[in-house]
Amino acid sequence: MSGRTSRAASSESSDHLVADGNADLNGFYRRHAPAVFRFALYLSGERSEAEDITSETFVRVWVSATKIEEATVKGYLFTIARNLYLQALKKRNRIVPLNDDLRDPQPGPYARASARSETAALQERMMRLPETDRAALLMRAMEGIPYEQIARTLNISVSSAKVKVHRARLALGPIR
């Protein structure tokens, strides 16, 4: 059928989003993008990278032929976001660092401002956590995802998910 309009093609390509028949891509994005962005921001520690991960996550959902169960949509989106973060991390590890004499010795304005805030200190401690511990903690503490779904997302047992969240909280120490 070559006479389809682009709107009809767009609607058909987004019909797979949620298994209950909800194919409203804009609504789907508005409901879930903030959570995916927060998750990506805490994983990566960089706003621009979190924005890229968030947008790429929704692009992959949109072009996917897989229907998403409403009960597991956050876990599905977080799995995609986490995999995108890990791919970017692998690419970043292949990049050769610049010589120290080429770098600007002055910290940028963002680094100076965030060094003074409690949020920056917490984020720094979070970045020291192993990636799976950090992901488990973020899913549980920030999004309230059940341990069972965390375990499925990270491919670990439920008891391991609970232990990872507990140990991550202990490693972060008291938060003011």
C-alpha atoms as a PDB file:
ATOM      1  CA  MET A   1       0.000   0.000   0.000  1.00  0.00           C
ATOM      2  CA  SER A   2       2.070   2.859  -1.253  1.00  0.00           C
ATOM      3  CA  GLY A   3      -0.698   5.436  -0.701  1.00  0.00           C
ATOM      4  CA  ARG A   4      -0.244   5.601   3.089  1.00  0.00           C
ATOM      5  CA  THR A   5       0.302   8.969   4.647  1.00  0.00           C
ATOM      6  CA  SER A   6       3.281   9.545   6.876  1.00  0.00           C
ATOM      7  CA  ARG A   7       0.916  10.021   9.838  1.00  0.00           C
ATOM      8  CA  ALA A   8      -0.628   6.589   9.261  1.00  0.00           C
ATOM      9  CA  ALA A   9       2.821   5.014   8.932  1.00  0.00           C
ATOM     10  CA  SER A  10       3.928   6.742  12.127  1.00  0.00           C
ATOM     11  CA  SER A  11       0.841   5.529  13.968  1.00  0.00           C
ATOM     12  CA  GLU A  12       1.352   1.968  12.765  1.00  0.00           C
ATOM     13  CA  SER A  13       5.025   1.977  13.762  1.00  0.00           C
ATOM     14  CA  SER A  14       4.146   3.068  17.289  1.00  0.00           C
ATOM     15  CA  ASP A  15       1.259   0.580  17.748  1.00  0.00           C
ATOM     16  CA  HIS A  16       3.678  -1.866  19.356  1.00  0.00           C
ATOM     17  CA  LEU A  17       4.637   0.401  22.289  1.00  0.00           C
ATOM     18  CA  VAL A  18       2.452  -0.986  25.022  1.00  0.00           C
ATOM     19  CA  ALA A  19       0.622  -4.276  24.849  1.00  0.00           C
ATOM     20  CA  ASP A  20      -2.626  -2.771  26.180  1.00  0.00           C
ATOM     21  CA  GLY A  21      -3.040  -0.913  22.874  1.00  0.00           C
ATOM     22  CA  ASN A  22      -1.772   2.490  23.994  1.00  0.00           C
ATOM     23  CA  ALA A  23       0.190   3.754  21.001  1.00  0.00           C
ATOM     24  CA  ASP A  24       0.482   7.428  22.004  1.00  0.00           C
ATOM     25  CA  LEU A  25       4.239   7.992  21.626  1.00  0.00           C
ATOM     26  CA  ASN A  26       4.129  11.541  23.008  1.00  0.00           C
ATOM     27  CA  GLY A  27       2.208  10.467  26.094  1.00  0.00           C
ATOM     28  CA  PHE A  28       4.465   7.457  26.536  1.00  0.00           C
ATOM     29  CA  TYR A  29       7.522   9.715  26.337  1.00  0.00           C
ATOM     30  CA  ARG A  30       6.104  12.297  28.768  1.00  0.00           C
ATOM     31  CA  ARG A  31       5.244   9.583  31.308  1.00  0.00           C
ATOM     32  CA  HIS A  32       8.565   7.757  31.237  1.00  0.00           C
ATOM     33  CA  ALA A  33      11.276  10.150  29.992  1.00  0.00           C
ATOM     34  CA  PRO A  34      11.902  11.868  33.361  1.00  0.00           C
ATOM     35  CA  ALA A  35      12.549   8.534  35.093  1.00  0.00           C
ATOM     36  CA  VAL A  36      14.800   7.298  32.274  1.00  0.00           C
ATOM     37  CA  PHE A  37      16.688  10.615  32.292  1.00  0.00           C
ATOM     38  CA  ARG A  38      17.256  10.480  36.077  1.00  0.00           C
ATOM     39  CA  PHE A  39      18.439   6.886  35.808  1.00  0.00           C
ATOM     40  CA  ALA A  40      20.815   7.747  32.944  1.00  0.00           C
ATOM     41  CA  LEU A  41      22.089  10.854  34.751  1.00  0.00           C
ATOM     42  CA  TYR A  42      22.966   8.935  37.898  1.00  0.00           C
ATOM     43  CA  LEU A  43      24.577   6.150  35.868  1.00  0.00           C
ATOM     44  CA  SER A  44      26.685   8.418  33.683  1.00  0.00           C
ATOM     45  CA  GLY A  45      27.154  11.451  35.912  1.00  0.00           C
ATOM     46  CA  GLU A  46      26.919  13.770  32.887  1.00  0.00           C
ATOM     47  CA  ARG A  47      23.814  15.636  31.800  1.00  0.00           C
ATOM     48  CA  SER A  48      24.614  15.605  28.068  1.00  0.00           C
ATOM     49  CA  GLU A  49      25.280  11.870  28.093  1.00  0.00           C
ATOM     50  CA  ALA A  50      22.066  11.274  30.050  1.00  0.00           C
ATOM     51  CA  GLU A  51      20.117  13.294  27.465  1.00  0.00           C
ATOM     52  CA  ASP A  52      21.651  11.225  24.652  1.00  0.00           C
ATOM     53  CA  ILE A  53      20.893   7.956  26.433  1.00  0.00           C
ATOM     54  CA  THR A  54      17.308   9.032  27.117  1.00  0.00           C
ATOM     55  CA  SER A  55      16.591  10.031  23.533  1.00  0.00           C
ATOM     56  CA  GLU A  56      18.270   6.921  22.116  1.00  0.00           C
ATOM     57  CA  THR A  57      16.280   4.736  24.519  1.00  0.00           C
ATOM     58  CA  PHE A  58      12.984   6.054  23.162  1.00  0.00           C
ATOM     59  CA  VAL A  59      14.171   5.837  19.560  1.00  0.00           C
ATOM     60  CA  ARG A  60      14.971   2.157  20.108  1.00  0.00           C
ATOM     61  CA  VAL A  61      11.580   1.553  21.717  1.00  0.00           C
ATOM     62  CA  TRP A  62       9.825   3.307  18.866  1.00  0.00           C
ATOM     63  CA  VAL A  63      11.539   1.303  16.100  1.00  0.00           C
ATOM     64  CA  SER A  64      11.282  -1.988  17.994  1.00  0.00           C
ATOM     65  CA  ALA A  65       8.657  -4.498  16.957  1.00  0.00           C
ATOM     66  CA  THR A  66       8.331  -5.769  20.526  1.00  0.00           C
ATOM     67  CA  LYS A  67       5.230  -4.958  22.572  1.00  0.00           C
ATOM     68  CA  ILE A  68       5.926  -3.762  26.087  1.00  0.00           C
ATOM     69  CA  GLU A  69       3.874  -5.021  29.023  1.00  0.00           C
ATOM     70  CA  GLU A  70       2.683  -2.035  31.093  1.00  0.00           C
ATOM     71  CA  ALA A  71       3.789  -3.773  34.313  1.00  0.00           C
ATOM     72  CA  THR A  72       7.412  -4.021  33.151  1.00  0.00           C
ATOM     73  CA  VAL A  73       7.790  -0.850  31.074  1.00  0.00           C
ATOM     74  CA  LYS A  74      10.238   0.903  33.464  1.00  0.00           C
ATOM     75  CA  GLY A  75      12.416  -2.171  33.722  1.00  0.00           C
ATOM     76  CA  TYR A  76      12.425  -2.491  29.929  1.00  0.00           C
ATOM     77  CA  LEU A  77      13.339   1.175  29.451  1.00  0.00           C
ATOM     78  CA  PHE A  78      16.020   1.020  32.167  1.00  0.00           C
ATOM     79  CA  THR A  79      17.506  -2.090  30.561  1.00  0.00           C
ATOM     80  CA  ILE A  80      17.827  -0.270  27.241  1.00  0.00           C
ATOM     81  CA  ALA A  81      19.271   2.829  28.948  1.00  0.00           C
ATOM     82  CA  ARG A  82      21.763   0.759  30.936  1.00  0.00           C
ATOM     83  CA  ASN A  83      22.894  -1.123  27.828  1.00  0.00           C
ATOM     84  CA  LEU A  84      23.381   2.178  25.981  1.00  0.00           C
ATOM     85  CA  TYR A  85      25.437   3.486  28.923  1.00  0.00           C
ATOM     86  CA  LEU A  86      27.599   0.350  28.933  1.00  0.00           C
ATOM     87  CA  GLN A  87      28.130   0.636  25.155  1.00  0.00           C
ATOM     88  CA  ALA A  88      29.208   4.261  25.560  1.00  0.00           C
ATOM     89  CA  LEU A  89      31.503   3.246  28.404  1.00  0.00           C
ATOM     90  CA  LYS A  90      33.195   0.665  26.180  1.00  0.00           C
ATOM     91  CA  LYS A  91      33.667   3.249  23.430  1.00  0.00           C
ATOM     92  CA  ARG A  92      35.043   5.757  25.922  1.00  0.00           C
ATOM     93  CA  ASN A  93      37.613   3.230  27.137  1.00  0.00           C
ATOM     94  CA  ARG A  94      38.952   2.957  23.587  1.00  0.00           C
ATOM     95  CA  ILE A  95      39.702   6.684  23.404  1.00  0.00           C
ATOM     96  CA  VAL A  96      43.297   7.668  24.130  1.00  0.00           C
ATOM     97  CA  PRO A  97      43.537  10.400  26.793  1.00  0.00           C
ATOM     98  CA  LEU A  98      45.208  13.703  26.010  1.00  0.00           C
ATOM     99  CA  ASN A  99      48.600  14.560  27.469  1.00  0.00           C
ATOM    100  CA  ASP A 100      48.427  16.510  30.711  1.00  0.00           C
ATOM    101  CA  ASP A 101      50.287  19.457  29.211  1.00  0.00           C
ATOM    102  CA  LEU A 102      47.455  19.974  26.674  1.00  0.00           C
ATOM    103  CA  ARG A 103      44.699  20.204  29.269  1.00  0.00           C
ATOM    104  CA  ASP A 104      43.488  23.464  30.741  1.00  0.00           C
ATOM    105  CA  PRO A 105      44.648  23.447  34.379  1.00  0.00           C
ATOM    106  CA  GLN A 106      41.678  25.558  35.525  1.00  0.00           C
ATOM    107  CA  PRO A 107      38.500  23.708  36.468  1.00  0.00           C
ATOM    108  CA  GLY A 108      35.421  24.824  34.570  1.00  0.00           C
ATOM    109  CA  PRO A 109      32.613  26.808  36.207  1.00  0.00           C
ATOM    110  CA  TYR A 110      30.401  23.739  36.563  1.00  0.00           C
ATOM    111  CA  ALA A 111      33.146  21.788  38.324  1.00  0.00           C
ATOM    112  CA  ARG A 112      33.794  24.639  40.778  1.00  0.00           C
ATOM    113  CA  ALA A 113      30.097  25.093  41.582  1.00  0.00           C
ATOM    114  CA  SER A 114      29.267  21.419  41.946  1.00  0.00           C
ATOM    115  CA  ALA A 115      32.345  20.734  44.093  1.00  0.00           C
ATOM    116  CA  ARG A 116      30.756  22.880  46.802  1.00  0.00           C
ATOM    117  CA  SER A 117      27.354  21.223  46.852  1.00  0.00           C
ATOM    118  CA  GLU A 118      26.141  18.227  48.788  1.00  0.00           C
ATOM    119  CA  THR A 119      24.599  16.802  45.636  1.00  0.00           C
ATOM    120  CA  ALA A 120      27.960  16.686  43.923  1.00  0.00           C
ATOM    121  CA  ALA A 121      29.487  14.881  46.886  1.00  0.00           C
ATOM    122  CA  LEU A 122      26.716  12.299  46.849  1.00  0.00           C
ATOM    123  CA  GLN A 123      27.033  11.804  43.127  1.00  0.00           C
ATOM    124  CA  GLU A 124      30.777  11.352  43.470  1.00  0.00           C
ATOM    125  CA  ARG A 125      30.269   8.656  46.096  1.00  0.00           C
ATOM    126  CA  MET A 126      27.687   6.994  43.861  1.00  0.00           C
ATOM    127  CA  MET A 127      30.093   6.925  40.946  1.00  0.00           C
ATOM    128  CA  ARG A 128      32.552   4.964  43.105  1.00  0.00           C
ATOM    129  CA  LEU A 129      29.992   2.185  43.480  1.00  0.00           C
ATOM    130  CA  PRO A 130      30.200  -0.738  41.077  1.00  0.00           C
ATOM    131  CA  GLU A 131      27.885  -0.165  38.123  1.00  0.00           C
ATOM    132  CA  THR A 132      25.456  -2.955  39.011  1.00  0.00           C
ATOM    133  CA  ASP A 133      25.202  -1.773  42.635  1.00  0.00           C
ATOM    134  CA  ARG A 134      24.567   1.781  41.456  1.00  0.00           C
ATOM    135  CA  ALA A 135      21.929   0.635  38.961  1.00  0.00           C
ATOM    136  CA  ALA A 136      20.179  -1.510  41.590  1.00  0.00           C
ATOM    137  CA  LEU A 137      20.168   1.345  44.126  1.00  0.00           C
ATOM    138  CA  LEU A 138      18.839   3.856  41.602  1.00  0.00           C
ATOM    139  CA  MET A 139      16.058   1.553  40.460  1.00  0.00           C
ATOM    140  CA  ARG A 140      14.985   0.865  44.054  1.00  0.00           C
ATOM    141  CA  ALA A 141      15.540   4.239  45.760  1.00  0.00           C
ATOM    142  CA  MET A 142      14.678   6.646  42.958  1.00  0.00           C
ATOM    143  CA  GLU A 143      11.972   4.729  41.121  1.00  0.00           C
ATOM    144  CA  GLY A 144      10.632   2.292  43.712  1.00  0.00           C
ATOM    145  CA  ILE A 145      11.024  -0.664  41.397  1.00  0.00           C
ATOM    146  CA  PRO A 146      10.417  -4.022  43.122  1.00  0.00           C
ATOM    147  CA  TYR A 147      13.453  -6.190  43.845  1.00  0.00           C
ATOM    148  CA  GLU A 148      12.101  -8.891  41.523  1.00  0.00           C
ATOM    149  CA  GLN A 149      12.130  -6.512  38.553  1.00  0.00           C
ATOM    150  CA  ILE A 150      15.578  -5.203  39.521  1.00  0.00           C
ATOM    151  CA  ALA A 151      16.840  -8.781  39.590  1.00  0.00           C
ATOM    152  CA  ARG A 152      15.423  -9.466  36.109  1.00  0.00           C
ATOM    153  CA  THR A 153      16.849  -6.245  34.691  1.00  0.00           C
ATOM    154  CA  LEU A 154      20.355  -6.908  36.055  1.00  0.00           C
ATOM    155  CA  ASN A 155      20.256 -10.691  35.491  1.00  0.00           C
ATOM    156  CA  ILE A 156      20.858 -11.484  39.158  1.00  0.00           C
ATOM    157  CA  SER A 157      18.870 -13.242  41.900  1.00  0.00           C
ATOM    158  CA  VAL A 158      16.358 -11.365  44.042  1.00  0.00           C
ATOM    159  CA  SER A 159      18.514 -11.858  47.137  1.00  0.00           C
ATOM    160  CA  SER A 160      21.531 -10.462  45.251  1.00  0.00           C
ATOM    161  CA  ALA A 161      19.470  -7.424  44.260  1.00  0.00           C
ATOM    162  CA  LYS A 162      18.557  -6.826  47.907  1.00  0.00           C
ATOM    163  CA  VAL A 163      22.173  -7.225  48.999  1.00  0.00           C
ATOM    164  CA  LYS A 164      23.418  -4.857  46.272  1.00  0.00           C
ATOM    165  CA  VAL A 165      20.915  -2.161  47.299  1.00  0.00           C
ATOM    166  CA  HIS A 166      21.783  -2.588  50.984  1.00  0.00           C
ATOM    167  CA  ARG A 167      25.541  -2.485  50.416  1.00  0.00           C
ATOM    168  CA  ALA A 168      25.237   0.528  48.122  1.00  0.00           C
ATOM    169  CA  ARG A 169      23.302   2.407  50.809  1.00  0.00           C
ATOM    170  CA  LEU A 170      25.949   1.520  53.387  1.00  0.00           C
ATOM    171  CA  ALA A 171      28.758   2.596  51.048  1.00  0.00           C
ATOM    172  CA  LEU A 172      27.129   6.014  50.495  1.00  0.00           C
ATOM    173  CA  GLY A 173      27.081   6.666  54.232  1.00  0.00           C
ATOM    174  CA  PRO A 174      24.827   9.174  55.948  1.00  0.00           C
ATOM    175  CA  ILE A 175      23.148  11.759  53.742  1.00  0.00           C
ATOM    176  CA  ARG A 176      22.405  15.142  55.259  1.00  0.00           C
END
